[in-house]
């Protein structure tokens, strides 16, 4: 699924993926990235997320650090019968931010709160056909311009992004799959 983020003009925000949801990261350079569409002509970073494979797994994590930074996350991977699997990841973090001195509009106002939710349901419709539905939610609140006030680009310091995706995969033969999202 192509990653969308609130960083429309500056690139993708990889913080929109909860770390506990990452299974592996693949880097493809050059023309091989064309299999992912026409946009990534120089290459891609493919972040493969975890999903339930039929065995239940639950994890909870928490951390704290400098500048009143706290974070907590959970992952739940559970089968819901023989043909349905649910994968759910949540991550919350908040920080007062680093103590910048310049620019003046950011000095003392670098705090943020972020909530990431990534949920996915996979279902086997038959021996050769699978479907999935996923929903990724990212909510950010940032201190900006002498407190929590309007960002010049967004009109508010609260930003959120919801990305729903539905997909289907069908094996036409042992070596050819047909899939769409």
C-alpha atoms as a PDB file:
ATOM      1  CA  UNK A   1       0.000   0.000   0.000  1.00  0.00           C
ATOM      2  CA  UNK A   2       1.492   3.332  -0.994  1.00  0.00           C
ATOM      3  CA  UNK A   3       2.186   5.399   2.113  1.00  0.00           C
ATOM      4  CA  UNK A   4       0.370   8.700   2.388  1.00  0.00           C
ATOM      5  CA  UNK A   5       1.387  11.221   5.000  1.00  0.00           C
ATOM      6  CA  UNK A   6       0.816  14.768   6.132  1.00  0.00           C
ATOM      7  CA  UNK A   7       4.190  15.739   4.612  1.00  0.00           C
ATOM      8  CA  UNK A   8       2.738  16.409   1.174  1.00  0.00           C
ATOM      9  CA  UNK A   9       5.472  18.848   0.132  1.00  0.00           C
ATOM     10  CA  UNK A  10       8.482  17.365   1.927  1.00  0.00           C
ATOM     11  CA  UNK A  11       8.216  13.593   1.468  1.00  0.00           C
ATOM     12  CA  UNK A  12       6.858  10.691   3.455  1.00  0.00           C
ATOM     13  CA  UNK A  13       6.656  10.619   7.231  1.00  0.00           C
ATOM     14  CA  UNK A  14       7.806   7.132   8.190  1.00  0.00           C
ATOM     15  CA  UNK A  15       6.688   7.800  11.759  1.00  0.00           C
ATOM     16  CA  UNK A  16       3.164   7.007  10.559  1.00  0.00           C
ATOM     17  CA  UNK A  17       4.030   3.299  10.790  1.00  0.00           C
ATOM     18  CA  UNK A  18       4.073   1.936  14.346  1.00  0.00           C
ATOM     19  CA  UNK A  19       7.532   0.314  14.816  1.00  0.00           C
ATOM     20  CA  UNK A  20       6.045  -2.839  16.320  1.00  0.00           C
ATOM     21  CA  UNK A  21       4.127  -3.321  13.035  1.00  0.00           C
ATOM     22  CA  UNK A  22       7.303  -3.616  10.933  1.00  0.00           C
ATOM     23  CA  UNK A  23       8.323  -7.121   9.903  1.00  0.00           C
ATOM     24  CA  UNK A  24      11.165  -6.125   7.549  1.00  0.00           C
ATOM     25  CA  UNK A  25      12.443  -3.286   5.359  1.00  0.00           C
ATOM     26  CA  UNK A  26      13.458  -3.867   1.743  1.00  0.00           C
ATOM     27  CA  UNK A  27      15.396  -1.359  -0.387  1.00  0.00           C
ATOM     28  CA  UNK A  28      15.059  -1.590  -4.163  1.00  0.00           C
ATOM     29  CA  UNK A  29      17.317   0.587  -6.306  1.00  0.00           C
ATOM     30  CA  UNK A  30      16.916   1.588  -9.913  1.00  0.00           C
ATOM     31  CA  UNK A  31      14.538   0.156 -12.496  1.00  0.00           C
ATOM     32  CA  UNK A  32      13.425  -2.802 -10.354  1.00  0.00           C
ATOM     33  CA  UNK A  33      11.209  -0.366  -8.457  1.00  0.00           C
ATOM     34  CA  UNK A  34       8.998  -0.003 -11.573  1.00  0.00           C
ATOM     35  CA  UNK A  35       6.932  -2.959 -10.367  1.00  0.00           C
ATOM     36  CA  UNK A  36       5.556  -0.540  -7.731  1.00  0.00           C
ATOM     37  CA  UNK A  37       4.304   2.016 -10.281  1.00  0.00           C
ATOM     38  CA  UNK A  38       5.669   4.884 -12.333  1.00  0.00           C
ATOM     39  CA  UNK A  39       6.517   7.243  -9.458  1.00  0.00           C
ATOM     40  CA  UNK A  40       9.604   5.658  -7.882  1.00  0.00           C
ATOM     41  CA  UNK A  41      12.040   5.772 -10.830  1.00  0.00           C
ATOM     42  CA  UNK A  42      15.169   5.878  -8.646  1.00  0.00           C
ATOM     43  CA  UNK A  43      14.110   3.225  -6.159  1.00  0.00           C
ATOM     44  CA  UNK A  44      11.834   2.522  -3.223  1.00  0.00           C
ATOM     45  CA  UNK A  45      11.937   1.681   0.445  1.00  0.00           C
ATOM     46  CA  UNK A  46       9.404  -1.127   0.954  1.00  0.00           C
ATOM     47  CA  UNK A  47       8.331  -1.496   4.580  1.00  0.00           C
ATOM     48  CA  UNK A  48       6.623  -4.853   5.013  1.00  0.00           C
ATOM     49  CA  UNK A  49       4.261  -4.840   7.974  1.00  0.00           C
ATOM     50  CA  UNK A  50       3.533  -7.798  10.203  1.00  0.00           C
ATOM     51  CA  UNK A  51       0.261  -9.629   9.934  1.00  0.00           C
ATOM     52  CA  UNK A  52      -1.282 -12.512  11.778  1.00  0.00           C
ATOM     53  CA  UNK A  53      -0.274 -15.852  10.295  1.00  0.00           C
ATOM     54  CA  UNK A  54      -2.633 -17.952  12.394  1.00  0.00           C
ATOM     55  CA  UNK A  55      -0.770 -18.013  15.705  1.00  0.00           C
ATOM     56  CA  UNK A  56      -1.911 -15.479  18.358  1.00  0.00           C
ATOM     57  CA  UNK A  57       0.635 -12.955  19.635  1.00  0.00           C
ATOM     58  CA  UNK A  58       0.239  -9.958  21.939  1.00  0.00           C
ATOM     59  CA  UNK A  59       2.895  -7.460  23.003  1.00  0.00           C
ATOM     60  CA  UNK A  60       2.888  -4.257  25.048  1.00  0.00           C
ATOM     61  CA  UNK A  61       5.747  -1.770  25.307  1.00  0.00           C
ATOM     62  CA  UNK A  62       6.420   1.557  27.007  1.00  0.00           C
ATOM     63  CA  UNK A  63       9.363   3.958  27.179  1.00  0.00           C
ATOM     64  CA  UNK A  64      10.324   7.365  28.495  1.00  0.00           C
ATOM     65  CA  UNK A  65      13.148   9.757  27.798  1.00  0.00           C
ATOM     66  CA  UNK A  66      14.466  13.289  27.775  1.00  0.00           C
ATOM     67  CA  UNK A  67      12.251  16.362  27.357  1.00  0.00           C
ATOM     68  CA  UNK A  68       9.269  14.630  29.012  1.00  0.00           C
ATOM     69  CA  UNK A  69       9.049  12.167  26.136  1.00  0.00           C
ATOM     70  CA  UNK A  70       6.818   9.128  26.690  1.00  0.00           C
ATOM     71  CA  UNK A  71       5.552   6.436  24.382  1.00  0.00           C
ATOM     72  CA  UNK A  72       3.507   3.269  24.588  1.00  0.00           C
ATOM     73  CA  UNK A  73       2.489   0.700  22.030  1.00  0.00           C
ATOM     74  CA  UNK A  74       0.718  -2.580  21.611  1.00  0.00           C
ATOM     75  CA  UNK A  75       0.373  -5.217  18.920  1.00  0.00           C
ATOM     76  CA  UNK A  76      -2.324  -7.863  18.765  1.00  0.00           C
ATOM     77  CA  UNK A  77      -2.245 -10.640  16.181  1.00  0.00           C
ATOM     78  CA  UNK A  78      -5.164 -13.064  16.513  1.00  0.00           C
ATOM     79  CA  UNK A  79      -6.869 -15.600  14.296  1.00  0.00           C
ATOM     80  CA  UNK A  80     -10.670 -15.257  14.216  1.00  0.00           C
ATOM     81  CA  UNK A  81     -11.468 -18.735  12.954  1.00  0.00           C
ATOM     82  CA  UNK A  82      -9.761 -20.871  10.333  1.00  0.00           C
ATOM     83  CA  UNK A  83      -9.962 -18.360   7.475  1.00  0.00           C
ATOM     84  CA  UNK A  84      -9.837 -14.914   9.136  1.00  0.00           C
ATOM     85  CA  UNK A  85      -6.900 -13.198  10.832  1.00  0.00           C
ATOM     86  CA  UNK A  86      -6.790  -9.826  12.619  1.00  0.00           C
ATOM     87  CA  UNK A  87      -3.677  -7.663  13.051  1.00  0.00           C
ATOM     88  CA  UNK A  88      -3.886  -4.529  15.183  1.00  0.00           C
ATOM     89  CA  UNK A  89      -1.120  -2.098  16.170  1.00  0.00           C
ATOM     90  CA  UNK A  90      -1.368   1.044  18.261  1.00  0.00           C
ATOM     91  CA  UNK A  91       1.297   3.560  19.296  1.00  0.00           C
ATOM     92  CA  UNK A  92       0.982   6.744  21.339  1.00  0.00           C
ATOM     93  CA  UNK A  93       3.772   9.198  22.055  1.00  0.00           C
ATOM     94  CA  UNK A  94       4.113  12.674  23.483  1.00  0.00           C
ATOM     95  CA  UNK A  95       7.034  14.985  24.068  1.00  0.00           C
ATOM     96  CA  UNK A  96       7.753  18.538  25.144  1.00  0.00           C
ATOM     97  CA  UNK A  97      10.271  18.565  22.271  1.00  0.00           C
ATOM     98  CA  UNK A  98      13.898  19.594  22.082  1.00  0.00           C
ATOM     99  CA  UNK A  99      14.753  23.025  23.552  1.00  0.00           C
ATOM    100  CA  UNK A 100      15.388  25.008  20.347  1.00  0.00           C
ATOM    101  CA  UNK A 101      16.631  28.587  20.532  1.00  0.00           C
ATOM    102  CA  UNK A 102      15.993  29.505  16.882  1.00  0.00           C
ATOM    103  CA  UNK A 103      13.874  30.159  14.879  1.00  0.00           C
ATOM    104  CA  UNK A 104      11.944  32.336  17.303  1.00  0.00           C
ATOM    105  CA  UNK A 105       8.611  30.911  16.119  1.00  0.00           C
ATOM    106  CA  UNK A 106       9.717  27.434  17.305  1.00  0.00           C
ATOM    107  CA  UNK A 107      11.749  28.313  20.430  1.00  0.00           C
ATOM    108  CA  UNK A 108      10.034  26.651  23.358  1.00  0.00           C
ATOM    109  CA  UNK A 109       7.295  25.244  21.116  1.00  0.00           C
ATOM    110  CA  UNK A 110       8.482  21.909  19.743  1.00  0.00           C
ATOM    111  CA  UNK A 111       6.180  19.601  21.665  1.00  0.00           C
ATOM    112  CA  UNK A 112       3.893  17.079  20.035  1.00  0.00           C
ATOM    113  CA  UNK A 113       1.463  14.237  20.653  1.00  0.00           C
ATOM    114  CA  UNK A 114       0.991  11.431  18.102  1.00  0.00           C
ATOM    115  CA  UNK A 115      -1.402   8.502  17.897  1.00  0.00           C
ATOM    116  CA  UNK A 116      -0.942   5.761  15.258  1.00  0.00           C
ATOM    117  CA  UNK A 117      -3.463   2.985  14.694  1.00  0.00           C
ATOM    118  CA  UNK A 118      -2.902   0.316  12.048  1.00  0.00           C
ATOM    119  CA  UNK A 119      -5.557  -2.395  11.737  1.00  0.00           C
ATOM    120  CA  UNK A 120      -5.845  -5.163   9.165  1.00  0.00           C
ATOM    121  CA  UNK A 121      -8.193  -8.091   8.547  1.00  0.00           C
ATOM    122  CA  UNK A 122      -7.146 -10.908   6.194  1.00  0.00           C
ATOM    123  CA  UNK A 123      -9.590 -13.561   4.965  1.00  0.00           C
ATOM    124  CA  UNK A 124      -9.136 -16.668   2.833  1.00  0.00           C
ATOM    125  CA  UNK A 125     -12.080 -16.977   0.433  1.00  0.00           C
ATOM    126  CA  UNK A 126     -10.866 -20.235  -0.966  1.00  0.00           C
ATOM    127  CA  UNK A 127      -7.754 -22.182  -1.811  1.00  0.00           C
ATOM    128  CA  UNK A 128      -6.587 -19.575  -4.334  1.00  0.00           C
ATOM    129  CA  UNK A 129      -8.274 -16.307  -3.239  1.00  0.00           C
ATOM    130  CA  UNK A 130      -7.483 -13.944  -0.359  1.00  0.00           C
ATOM    131  CA  UNK A 131      -8.936 -10.544   0.559  1.00  0.00           C
ATOM    132  CA  UNK A 132      -7.803  -7.937   3.056  1.00  0.00           C
ATOM    133  CA  UNK A 133      -8.972  -4.642   4.460  1.00  0.00           C
ATOM    134  CA  UNK A 134      -6.763  -2.231   6.370  1.00  0.00           C
ATOM    135  CA  UNK A 135      -7.165   1.119   8.041  1.00  0.00           C
ATOM    136  CA  UNK A 136      -4.240   3.325   9.053  1.00  0.00           C
ATOM    137  CA  UNK A 137      -4.934   6.357  11.271  1.00  0.00           C
ATOM    138  CA  UNK A 138      -2.307   8.930  12.246  1.00  0.00           C
ATOM    139  CA  UNK A 139      -3.196  11.890  14.461  1.00  0.00           C
ATOM    140  CA  UNK A 140      -0.652  14.614  15.319  1.00  0.00           C
ATOM    141  CA  UNK A 141      -0.948  17.643  17.558  1.00  0.00           C
ATOM    142  CA  UNK A 142       2.014  20.015  17.481  1.00  0.00           C
ATOM    143  CA  UNK A 143       3.019  23.190  19.280  1.00  0.00           C
ATOM    144  CA  UNK A 144       3.669  25.793  16.618  1.00  0.00           C
ATOM    145  CA  UNK A 145       4.191  29.560  16.361  1.00  0.00           C
ATOM    146  CA  UNK A 146       4.247  30.607  20.032  1.00  0.00           C
ATOM    147  CA  UNK A 147       1.898  27.957  21.333  1.00  0.00           C
ATOM    148  CA  UNK A 148      -0.712  25.732  19.791  1.00  0.00           C
ATOM    149  CA  UNK A 149      -1.884  28.014  16.997  1.00  0.00           C
ATOM    150  CA  UNK A 150      -2.482  27.931  13.284  1.00  0.00           C
ATOM    151  CA  UNK A 151       0.179  26.422  11.055  1.00  0.00           C
ATOM    152  CA  UNK A 152       0.639  28.493   7.898  1.00  0.00           C
ATOM    153  CA  UNK A 153       0.383  25.401   5.711  1.00  0.00           C
ATOM    154  CA  UNK A 154      -2.511  23.614   7.414  1.00  0.00           C
ATOM    155  CA  UNK A 155      -4.555  26.238   9.222  1.00  0.00           C
ATOM    156  CA  UNK A 156      -4.455  24.188  12.422  1.00  0.00           C
ATOM    157  CA  UNK A 157      -1.877  22.491  14.606  1.00  0.00           C
ATOM    158  CA  UNK A 158      -3.959  19.309  14.715  1.00  0.00           C
ATOM    159  CA  UNK A 159      -3.338  17.016  11.750  1.00  0.00           C
ATOM    160  CA  UNK A 160      -4.720  13.588  11.038  1.00  0.00           C
ATOM    161  CA  UNK A 161      -4.611  11.138   8.171  1.00  0.00           C
ATOM    162  CA  UNK A 162      -6.859   8.146   7.575  1.00  0.00           C
ATOM    163  CA  UNK A 163      -5.907   5.633   4.873  1.00  0.00           C
ATOM    164  CA  UNK A 164      -8.413   2.827   4.167  1.00  0.00           C
ATOM    165  CA  UNK A 165      -7.411   0.066   1.714  1.00  0.00           C
ATOM    166  CA  UNK A 166      -9.172  -3.055   0.432  1.00  0.00           C
ATOM    167  CA  UNK A 167      -7.340  -5.659  -1.638  1.00  0.00           C
ATOM    168  CA  UNK A 168      -7.818  -8.993  -3.380  1.00  0.00           C
ATOM    169  CA  UNK A 169      -5.321 -11.613  -4.516  1.00  0.00           C
ATOM    170  CA  UNK A 170      -6.109 -14.648  -6.667  1.00  0.00           C
ATOM    171  CA  UNK A 171      -3.657 -17.333  -7.809  1.00  0.00           C
ATOM    172  CA  UNK A 172      -4.181 -17.956 -11.521  1.00  0.00           C
ATOM    173  CA  UNK A 173      -1.485 -20.650 -11.510  1.00  0.00           C
ATOM    174  CA  UNK A 174       1.412 -21.746  -9.349  1.00  0.00           C
ATOM    175  CA  UNK A 175       3.551 -18.913 -10.724  1.00  0.00           C
ATOM    176  CA  UNK A 176       1.033 -16.164 -11.623  1.00  0.00           C
ATOM    177  CA  UNK A 177      -1.031 -14.109  -9.159  1.00  0.00           C
ATOM    178  CA  UNK A 178      -3.633 -11.501  -9.947  1.00  0.00           C
ATOM    179  CA  UNK A 179      -4.047  -8.817  -7.290  1.00  0.00           C
ATOM    180  CA  UNK A 180      -5.582  -5.391  -6.908  1.00  0.00           C
ATOM    181  CA  UNK A 181      -6.232  -2.750  -4.283  1.00  0.00           C
END
